[in-house]
Amino acid sequence: MATLSPSSFTKNFNSSIDFPITSFQTFAIFGPKLKTEQTHFRLSTSFKTGSPLELKAMKEPPGLTQKLDKNRLDRLAESENGCDLFEDLKHRFLRFKKHKFEENLGHFQNLAEGQAPKFMIIACADSRVCPSVILGFQPGEAFMVRNVANLVPPFESGPSETNAALEFAVNSLKVENILVIGHSRCGGIRALMSMQDEVDSSSFIRSWVIVGKNARLNTKSAASHLGFDQQCRHCEKESVDHSLLNLLTYPWIEQKVAKGELSVHGGYYDFVDCTFEKWTLDYKGSNFGKNSRLPVKNRFYWC
């Protein structure tokens, strides 16, 4: 590194200058020709008043230096974009605090002591399906679990985050309603309808969506004359019905439903035209055999 003596400067700078200097200090003779090595120097002028001016020698040619600088700027831009995302989240949170939390302080203080939601919601993890936004749930109104394709595994499948949430909601929180919400253009249902029997079962997605295999079989039987997209739409609703039936395989759910202490509902949100369909399982006097159709009541279409 070659360092120039400090000079008196009156302004701050933030730039750099590349210029070539031909050095004859190191050379080799090959026959009659003299080989010289060209070294590029960068004059770094990022300094404050009174700071030494540094002259840095670099082996890279100007083109490579410019490329490295561009890569560094690209990484900096990506970092700044990431910061912008969280800066936006920060402002959203502060708006929530000012306009929701502080204006309803008593409600949130009560929630701090405990929760007593009336609803248990099982919805898809799809980013386009947010029950609190779609149905206007406020903090404390609904206990929610979201998974791929909004599936409910049967009791005999063993523990999962979904049935753990069900157990807590039904037995501890004493919710009065369970609502399973399906939706249009569901990627999980599309994966279910697309899967082949011989596909490697090591896939996490396959291992999960196979929970809806009965809905898939029923769809293939009832809608085989339809195109694949229409079959997926049929299965999106069929899988909700099968999840409602699976809910009844949990003894503590069926007991409460039989006593009228708990109601089980299905829902379907179409985000293409923004409509919502809702129906309720009709438990009384119904025979829930293995291959029986789901008896429903109170079917409504909101548009």
Protein backbone atom coordinates (compact mmCIF):
# COMPACT_ATOMS: atom_id res chain seq x y z
CA MET A 1 0.00 0.00 0.00
CA ALA A 2 1.28 3.43 -0.90
CA THR A 3 0.11 6.22 1.40
CA LEU A 4 0.10 9.89 0.49
CA SER A 5 0.76 12.49 3.07
CA PRO A 6 -2.26 14.13 4.64
CA SER A 7 -3.44 17.25 2.93
CA SER A 8 -5.88 19.90 3.96
CA PHE A 9 -9.32 19.06 2.60
CA THR A 10 -12.48 21.01 3.20
CA LYS A 11 -15.09 18.48 1.96
CA ASN A 12 -16.01 14.86 2.58
CA PHE A 13 -15.87 12.55 -0.39
CA ASN A 14 -17.25 9.07 -1.04
CA SER A 15 -15.88 7.89 -4.36
CA SER A 16 -12.99 5.99 -5.85
CA ILE A 17 -10.84 6.35 -8.96
CA ASP A 18 -9.10 3.52 -10.87
CA PHE A 19 -6.06 4.28 -12.95
CA PRO A 20 -3.32 2.07 -14.38
CA ILE A 21 0.37 2.47 -13.56
CA THR A 22 2.94 0.50 -15.46
CA SER A 23 5.52 -0.93 -13.11
CA PHE A 24 9.04 -1.81 -14.22
CA GLN A 25 10.10 -3.02 -10.82
CA THR A 26 9.23 -6.61 -11.66
CA PHE A 27 9.88 -7.90 -15.15
CA ALA A 28 11.17 -10.87 -17.09
CA ILE A 29 13.15 -11.02 -20.32
CA PHE A 30 11.91 -13.49 -22.93
CA GLY A 31 14.25 -13.19 -25.86
CA PRO A 32 14.19 -9.63 -27.13
CA LYS A 33 10.87 -8.73 -25.47
CA LEU A 34 10.43 -7.02 -22.14
CA LYS A 35 7.39 -8.21 -20.15
CA THR A 36 5.90 -5.59 -17.93
CA GLU A 37 3.20 -6.00 -15.31
CA GLN A 38 0.40 -3.48 -15.20
CA THR A 39 -0.94 -2.77 -11.75
CA HIS A 40 -4.16 -0.87 -11.25
CA PHE A 41 -4.39 1.51 -8.37
CA ARG A 42 -7.57 2.66 -6.72
CA LEU A 43 -7.51 6.08 -5.19
CA SER A 44 -9.90 5.85 -2.29
CA THR A 45 -11.34 9.27 -1.59
CA SER A 46 -13.74 8.24 1.11
CA PHE A 47 -12.37 10.25 3.99
CA LYS A 48 -13.12 13.05 6.33
CA THR A 49 -11.28 16.34 6.72
CA GLY A 50 -7.79 15.85 8.02
CA SER A 51 -7.68 12.08 7.40
CA PRO A 52 -4.80 10.53 5.44
CA LEU A 53 -5.34 9.86 1.78
CA GLU A 54 -4.67 6.22 0.96
CA LEU A 55 -3.56 4.80 -2.34
CA LYS A 56 -4.43 1.10 -2.62
CA ALA A 57 -2.79 -1.18 -5.17
CA MET A 58 -4.91 -3.94 -6.66
CA LYS A 59 -4.10 -6.66 -9.16
CA GLU A 60 -7.65 -6.77 -10.62
CA PRO A 61 -8.30 -5.02 -13.95
CA PRO A 62 -10.95 -2.24 -13.97
CA GLY A 63 -13.63 -4.50 -15.46
CA LEU A 64 -13.32 -7.03 -12.65
CA THR A 65 -13.30 -4.27 -10.07
CA GLN A 66 -16.49 -2.83 -11.52
CA LYS A 67 -18.10 -6.28 -11.49
CA LEU A 68 -17.18 -6.81 -7.85
CA ASP A 69 -18.60 -3.41 -6.98
CA LYS A 70 -21.84 -4.25 -8.82
CA ASN A 71 -22.16 -7.54 -6.91
CA ARG A 72 -21.62 -5.70 -3.64
CA LEU A 73 -24.27 -3.15 -4.56
CA ASP A 74 -26.69 -5.94 -5.53
CA ARG A 75 -26.19 -7.62 -2.15
CA LEU A 76 -26.67 -4.28 -0.44
CA ALA A 77 -29.90 -3.68 -2.37
CA GLU A 78 -31.20 -7.14 -1.38
CA SER A 79 -30.37 -6.42 2.24
CA GLU A 80 -32.12 -3.06 2.06
CA ASN A 81 -35.20 -4.68 0.49
CA GLY A 82 -35.30 -7.17 3.36
CA CYS A 83 -35.05 -4.31 5.82
CA ASP A 84 -37.88 -2.52 4.00
CA LEU A 85 -40.12 -5.56 4.46
CA PHE A 86 -39.58 -5.59 8.20
CA GLU A 87 -39.83 -1.82 8.34
CA ASP A 88 -43.28 -2.20 6.83
CA LEU A 89 -44.16 -4.87 9.40
CA LYS A 90 -42.99 -2.56 12.15
CA HIS A 91 -45.36 0.18 10.98
CA ARG A 92 -48.21 -2.30 10.70
CA PHE A 93 -47.60 -3.40 14.28
CA LEU A 94 -47.44 0.17 15.53
CA ARG A 95 -50.73 0.97 13.76
CA PHE A 96 -52.28 -2.09 15.40
CA LYS A 97 -51.00 -0.99 18.78
CA LYS A 98 -52.32 2.54 18.38
CA HIS A 99 -55.68 1.85 16.73
CA LYS A 100 -56.57 -1.59 18.10
CA PHE A 101 -54.69 -2.38 21.29
CA GLU A 102 -54.68 1.02 22.97
CA GLU A 103 -58.23 1.88 21.90
CA ASN A 104 -59.50 -1.46 23.28
CA LEU A 105 -57.17 -1.76 26.24
CA GLY A 106 -59.76 -3.28 28.55
CA HIS A 107 -60.51 -6.10 26.09
CA PHE A 108 -56.84 -6.95 25.66
CA GLN A 109 -56.26 -6.85 29.41
CA ASN A 110 -59.04 -9.42 29.80
CA LEU A 111 -57.44 -11.57 27.10
CA ALA A 112 -54.17 -11.41 28.99
CA GLU A 113 -55.90 -13.26 31.82
CA GLY A 114 -57.33 -16.02 29.62
CA GLN A 115 -59.19 -16.93 26.45
CA ALA A 116 -62.68 -18.29 25.86
CA PRO A 117 -63.18 -18.52 22.09
CA LYS A 118 -66.45 -19.81 20.66
CA PHE A 119 -64.85 -21.17 17.50
CA MET A 120 -62.16 -23.66 16.59
CA ILE A 121 -61.03 -22.99 13.00
CA ILE A 122 -59.16 -25.49 10.85
CA ALA A 123 -57.97 -23.77 7.67
CA CYS A 124 -55.35 -24.15 4.98
CA ALA A 125 -51.85 -22.74 5.31
CA ASP A 126 -52.30 -21.05 1.92
CA SER A 127 -51.28 -17.37 2.18
CA ARG A 128 -54.41 -16.34 0.27
CA VAL A 129 -56.72 -17.80 2.90
CA CYS A 130 -56.67 -15.87 6.17
CA PRO A 131 -59.74 -16.65 8.33
CA SER A 132 -59.33 -13.56 10.51
CA VAL A 133 -59.49 -11.34 7.43
CA ILE A 134 -62.15 -13.29 5.52
CA LEU A 135 -64.54 -13.79 8.46
CA GLY A 136 -63.49 -10.85 10.61
CA PHE A 137 -62.40 -12.77 13.69
CA GLN A 138 -61.00 -10.52 16.39
CA PRO A 139 -58.39 -11.53 18.99
CA GLY A 140 -59.92 -14.00 21.42
CA GLU A 141 -62.80 -15.10 19.16
CA ALA A 142 -61.31 -18.13 17.40
CA PHE A 143 -58.69 -20.75 18.20
CA MET A 144 -57.02 -21.66 14.92
CA VAL A 145 -54.82 -24.28 13.37
CA ARG A 146 -53.71 -24.15 9.75
CA ASN A 147 -52.18 -26.96 7.74
CA VAL A 148 -51.73 -28.00 4.12
CA ALA A 149 -55.19 -28.58 2.56
CA ASN A 150 -57.04 -27.99 5.86
CA LEU A 151 -57.16 -31.72 6.61
CA VAL A 152 -58.27 -33.44 9.81
CA PRO A 153 -56.64 -36.86 10.28
CA PRO A 154 -58.75 -39.60 11.88
CA PHE A 155 -58.27 -40.48 15.52
CA GLU A 156 -56.42 -43.71 14.72
CA SER A 157 -53.73 -41.85 12.78
CA GLY A 158 -52.00 -40.89 16.00
CA PRO A 159 -50.76 -37.55 17.31
CA SER A 160 -50.30 -34.50 15.12
CA GLU A 161 -50.37 -30.75 15.63
CA THR A 162 -53.93 -30.70 14.31
CA ASN A 163 -55.45 -33.16 16.77
CA ALA A 164 -53.38 -31.69 19.58
CA ALA A 165 -55.02 -28.35 18.84
CA LEU A 166 -58.42 -30.06 18.66
CA GLU A 167 -57.94 -31.67 22.05
CA PHE A 168 -56.99 -28.38 23.66
CA ALA A 169 -59.80 -26.43 21.99
CA VAL A 170 -62.54 -28.95 22.78
CA ASN A 171 -61.50 -30.21 26.21
CA SER A 172 -59.80 -27.17 27.73
CA LEU A 173 -61.24 -24.12 25.98
CA LYS A 174 -64.70 -25.69 25.58
CA VAL A 175 -65.32 -24.24 22.12
CA GLU A 176 -68.88 -24.56 20.86
CA ASN A 177 -68.15 -24.72 17.12
CA ILE A 178 -65.55 -26.38 14.91
CA LEU A 179 -65.35 -24.92 11.41
CA VAL A 180 -63.23 -26.59 8.72
CA ILE A 181 -62.60 -24.20 5.81
CA GLY A 182 -61.63 -25.39 2.34
CA HIS A 183 -60.84 -23.06 -0.52
CA SER A 184 -60.47 -22.70 -4.27
CA ARG A 185 -57.29 -23.58 -6.17
CA CYS A 186 -55.82 -25.46 -3.22
CA GLY A 187 -52.29 -26.68 -3.95
CA GLY A 188 -52.55 -29.42 -1.32
CA ILE A 189 -55.69 -30.87 -2.90
CA ARG A 190 -54.08 -30.62 -6.33
CA ALA A 191 -51.13 -32.61 -4.97
CA LEU A 192 -53.57 -35.18 -3.54
CA MET A 193 -55.37 -35.54 -6.86
CA SER A 194 -52.08 -35.74 -8.80
CA MET A 195 -50.28 -38.31 -6.68
CA GLN A 196 -49.52 -41.74 -8.04
CA ASP A 197 -49.60 -44.90 -5.93
CA GLU A 198 -46.01 -45.77 -6.83
CA VAL A 199 -44.58 -42.36 -5.89
CA ASP A 200 -41.86 -42.34 -3.20
CA SER A 201 -43.62 -42.15 0.16
CA SER A 202 -40.69 -40.25 1.72
CA SER A 203 -42.27 -36.98 0.57
CA PHE A 204 -43.61 -34.99 3.53
CA ILE A 205 -46.36 -33.55 1.34
CA ARG A 206 -47.53 -36.97 0.16
CA SER A 207 -47.37 -38.38 3.67
CA TRP A 208 -49.68 -35.60 4.85
CA VAL A 209 -52.20 -35.22 2.01
CA ILE A 210 -52.77 -38.98 1.94
CA VAL A 211 -55.06 -38.19 4.89
CA GLY A 212 -57.55 -37.11 2.23
CA LYS A 213 -57.34 -40.33 0.20
CA ASN A 214 -61.03 -41.20 0.70
CA ALA A 215 -62.05 -37.79 -0.64
CA ARG A 216 -59.80 -38.44 -3.64
CA LEU A 217 -61.37 -41.86 -4.29
CA ASN A 218 -64.89 -40.45 -4.03
CA THR A 219 -63.98 -37.63 -6.39
CA LYS A 220 -62.46 -39.99 -8.95
CA SER A 221 -65.66 -42.03 -8.83
CA ALA A 222 -68.17 -39.17 -8.90
CA ALA A 223 -66.37 -36.72 -11.19
CA SER A 224 -64.36 -38.91 -13.55
CA HIS A 225 -66.15 -37.32 -16.53
CA LEU A 226 -64.83 -33.87 -15.57
CA GLY A 227 -61.51 -32.26 -16.40
CA PHE A 228 -58.70 -32.29 -13.86
CA ASP A 229 -59.32 -28.72 -12.63
CA GLN A 230 -63.00 -29.48 -12.05
CA GLN A 231 -62.07 -32.68 -10.24
CA CYS A 232 -59.79 -30.70 -7.94
CA ARG A 233 -62.59 -28.25 -7.18
CA HIS A 234 -64.93 -31.15 -6.39
CA CYS A 235 -62.30 -32.69 -4.10
CA GLU A 236 -61.75 -29.37 -2.29
CA LYS A 237 -65.30 -29.62 -0.95
CA GLU A 238 -65.31 -33.41 -0.65
CA SER A 239 -62.23 -33.30 1.57
CA VAL A 240 -63.96 -30.87 3.95
CA ASP A 241 -66.82 -33.35 4.37
CA HIS A 242 -64.39 -36.16 5.04
CA SER A 243 -62.61 -34.03 7.61
CA LEU A 244 -65.96 -33.48 9.36
CA LEU A 245 -66.49 -37.24 9.43
CA ASN A 246 -62.95 -37.70 10.77
CA LEU A 247 -63.77 -35.30 13.60
CA LEU A 248 -66.38 -37.78 14.82
CA THR A 249 -63.72 -40.49 15.19
CA TYR A 250 -62.45 -38.60 18.26
CA PRO A 251 -64.54 -39.92 21.20
CA TRP A 252 -64.53 -36.64 23.11
CA ILE A 253 -65.74 -34.77 20.03
CA GLU A 254 -68.52 -37.20 19.15
CA GLN A 255 -69.74 -37.22 22.76
CA LYS A 256 -70.09 -33.45 22.83
CA VAL A 257 -71.73 -33.38 19.39
CA ALA A 258 -74.22 -36.05 20.50
CA LYS A 259 -75.07 -34.02 23.61
CA GLY A 260 -75.54 -30.84 21.58
CA GLU A 261 -72.60 -29.13 23.30
CA LEU A 262 -70.55 -28.89 20.12
CA SER A 263 -71.46 -28.22 16.48
CA VAL A 264 -69.31 -29.18 13.50
CA HIS A 265 -69.38 -27.06 10.35
CA GLY A 266 -67.85 -27.03 6.90
CA GLY A 267 -66.96 -23.98 4.85
CA TYR A 268 -65.63 -23.24 1.37
CA TYR A 269 -64.01 -19.95 0.40
CA ASP A 270 -63.70 -19.17 -3.30
CA PHE A 271 -61.16 -16.37 -3.57
CA VAL A 272 -61.62 -16.09 -7.34
CA ASP A 273 -65.07 -14.48 -7.04
CA CYS A 274 -65.05 -13.93 -3.26
CA THR A 275 -67.89 -16.18 -2.17
CA PHE A 276 -68.28 -18.33 0.92
CA GLU A 277 -70.35 -21.47 1.38
CA LYS A 278 -71.18 -22.78 4.85
CA TRP A 279 -72.92 -25.97 6.02
CA THR A 280 -73.43 -27.84 9.30
CA LEU A 281 -73.13 -31.55 10.01
CA ASP A 282 -76.55 -33.00 10.88
CA TYR A 283 -75.71 -35.48 13.60
CA LYS A 284 -79.04 -36.43 15.15
CA GLY A 285 -80.67 -39.55 13.72
CA SER A 286 -77.87 -40.04 11.19
CA ASN A 287 -75.97 -43.23 10.53
CA PHE A 288 -72.28 -42.52 10.02
CA GLY A 289 -71.09 -45.65 8.31
CA LYS A 290 -67.68 -45.95 6.75
CA ASN A 291 -68.94 -45.20 3.23
CA SER A 292 -71.93 -43.06 4.13
CA ARG A 293 -72.48 -39.59 2.75
CA LEU A 294 -72.32 -36.66 5.10
CA PRO A 295 -75.76 -35.47 6.22
CA VAL A 296 -75.80 -31.69 6.39
CA LYS A 297 -78.18 -28.91 7.34
CA ASN A 298 -78.23 -25.13 7.33
CA ARG A 299 -76.35 -24.74 4.07
CA PHE A 300 -75.80 -21.09 3.16
CA TYR A 301 -74.12 -19.35 0.26
CA TRP A 302 -72.69 -15.89 0.96
CA CYS A 303 -71.88 -13.69 -2.00
